[in-house]
Amino acid sequence: MQSPYMAPDPSSTGINPKLLGLICYLGCFVTGFLLLIFEKKSRFVKFHAMQSVIGTVAVMIINIVLGFIPIIGWLAGVLFAPLTLILWVLLMLYALQGRWFKLPFIGSIAEQQSRLF
């Protein structure tokens, strides 16, 4: 779901916040977690970093659960992997465009949690 358009606020690191938003997704939860620690100012970067961390954990849990379900779960896992890759690339592109794209359910949690950091 797309939030109303708001221009990304400047980053405390001095790096373009759009580029930092892309980097949040580039290294899955690792870069997301690091940017949560180092970014002090930009809500845009904090949101994408938190969405990256929560999204990665959710994908890992889904993959583990699908791995325990014989045949049907394995087939679903084979279909889930490329869909996850496509979603991740789209999230990187949206962040690079400066868009506040919220994933269903995860995006709302990420928005709330990013305010705490």
Protein backbone atom coordinates (compact mmCIF):
# COMPACT_ATOMS: atom_id res chain seq x y z
CA MET A 1 0.00 0.00 0.00
CA GLN A 2 1.35 3.40 -0.96
CA SER A 3 1.35 6.10 1.70
CA PRO A 4 0.70 9.68 0.65
CA TYR A 5 3.75 11.06 -1.11
CA MET A 6 6.21 12.75 1.18
CA ALA A 7 9.71 13.69 0.11
CA PRO A 8 12.40 11.79 2.02
CA ASP A 9 13.87 13.82 4.85
CA PRO A 10 17.66 14.35 4.93
CA SER A 11 19.83 11.69 6.51
CA SER A 12 22.07 12.32 9.50
CA THR A 13 24.83 10.38 7.69
CA GLY A 14 25.05 12.95 4.88
CA ILE A 15 24.25 10.28 2.26
CA ASN A 16 21.23 10.57 -0.03
CA PRO A 17 18.28 9.07 1.90
CA LYS A 18 16.93 7.42 -1.27
CA LEU A 19 20.21 5.55 -1.69
CA LEU A 20 20.16 4.53 1.98
CA GLY A 21 16.60 3.26 1.51
CA LEU A 22 17.84 1.01 -1.30
CA ILE A 23 20.77 -0.17 0.80
CA CYS A 24 18.35 -1.17 3.59
CA TYR A 25 16.95 -3.88 1.33
CA LEU A 26 20.20 -4.76 -0.43
CA GLY A 27 21.68 -6.66 2.50
CA CYS A 28 18.40 -7.95 3.92
CA PHE A 29 18.22 -7.62 7.69
CA VAL A 30 21.95 -6.90 8.13
CA THR A 31 22.01 -3.54 6.35
CA GLY A 32 18.54 -2.74 7.67
CA PHE A 33 19.71 -3.34 11.23
CA LEU A 34 22.93 -1.36 10.73
CA LEU A 35 21.04 1.62 9.32
CA LEU A 36 18.62 1.48 12.24
CA ILE A 37 21.60 1.85 14.54
CA PHE A 38 23.46 4.58 12.62
CA GLU A 39 20.60 6.70 11.25
CA LYS A 40 19.52 9.26 13.82
CA LYS A 41 17.32 11.64 11.85
CA SER A 42 15.63 10.38 8.68
CA ARG A 43 12.22 8.78 9.22
CA PHE A 44 12.33 7.60 5.60
CA VAL A 45 15.52 5.60 6.13
CA LYS A 46 14.38 4.26 9.51
CA PHE A 47 11.07 3.10 8.00
CA HIS A 48 12.74 1.23 5.13
CA ALA A 49 15.35 -0.23 7.47
CA MET A 50 12.69 -1.54 9.85
CA GLN A 51 10.54 -2.86 6.99
CA SER A 52 13.62 -4.66 5.65
CA VAL A 53 14.37 -6.28 9.02
CA ILE A 54 10.78 -7.35 9.71
CA GLY A 55 10.24 -8.46 6.09
CA THR A 56 13.38 -10.59 6.08
CA VAL A 57 12.42 -12.28 9.34
CA ALA A 58 8.90 -12.94 8.02
CA VAL A 59 10.27 -14.48 4.80
CA MET A 60 12.66 -16.68 6.80
CA ILE A 61 9.84 -17.92 9.05
CA ILE A 62 7.60 -18.66 6.06
CA ASN A 63 10.41 -20.59 4.36
CA ILE A 64 11.05 -22.64 7.50
CA VAL A 65 7.36 -23.47 7.90
CA LEU A 66 7.04 -24.41 4.21
CA GLY A 67 10.11 -26.63 4.54
CA PHE A 68 8.36 -28.76 7.16
CA ILE A 69 5.32 -29.44 4.96
CA PRO A 70 6.07 -32.39 2.66
CA ILE A 71 5.60 -31.99 -1.10
CA ILE A 72 3.00 -29.18 -1.09
CA GLY A 73 5.15 -27.02 1.18
CA TRP A 74 8.23 -27.71 -0.89
CA LEU A 75 6.43 -26.79 -4.10
CA ALA A 76 5.07 -23.65 -2.47
CA GLY A 77 8.62 -22.83 -1.35
CA VAL A 78 9.87 -23.17 -4.92
CA LEU A 79 7.22 -20.67 -6.04
CA PHE A 80 7.73 -18.41 -3.02
CA ALA A 81 11.46 -17.85 -3.62
CA PRO A 82 11.22 -16.03 -7.00
CA LEU A 83 8.20 -14.04 -5.80
CA THR A 84 10.20 -12.91 -2.78
CA LEU A 85 13.09 -11.85 -5.02
CA ILE A 86 10.74 -9.84 -7.25
CA LEU A 87 9.16 -8.17 -4.21
CA TRP A 88 12.59 -7.30 -2.80
CA VAL A 89 13.70 -5.73 -6.10
CA LEU A 90 10.47 -3.70 -6.21
CA LEU A 91 11.04 -2.50 -2.65
CA MET A 92 14.56 -1.40 -3.59
CA LEU A 93 13.25 0.49 -6.62
CA TYR A 94 10.49 2.18 -4.60
CA ALA A 95 13.00 3.26 -1.96
CA LEU A 96 15.33 4.60 -4.65
CA GLN A 97 12.41 6.62 -6.08
CA GLY A 98 11.75 8.09 -2.63
CA ARG A 99 8.40 6.33 -2.20
CA TRP A 100 7.04 5.26 1.18
CA PHE A 101 5.72 1.89 0.01
CA LYS A 102 4.23 -0.05 2.91
CA LEU A 103 3.87 -3.81 2.71
CA PRO A 104 0.52 -5.05 4.02
CA PHE A 105 0.68 -5.69 7.77
CA ILE A 106 4.51 -5.52 7.90
CA GLY A 107 4.59 -1.90 6.71
CA SER A 108 2.33 -0.71 9.53
CA ILE A 109 4.43 -2.49 12.13
CA ALA A 110 7.61 -1.10 10.59
CA GLU A 111 6.20 2.42 10.64
CA GLN A 112 5.29 2.15 14.33
CA GLN A 113 8.59 0.56 15.34
CA SER A 114 10.75 2.96 13.32
CA ARG A 115 9.43 5.82 15.44
CA LEU A 116 10.96 4.19 18.52
CA PHE A 117 14.51 4.23 17.14
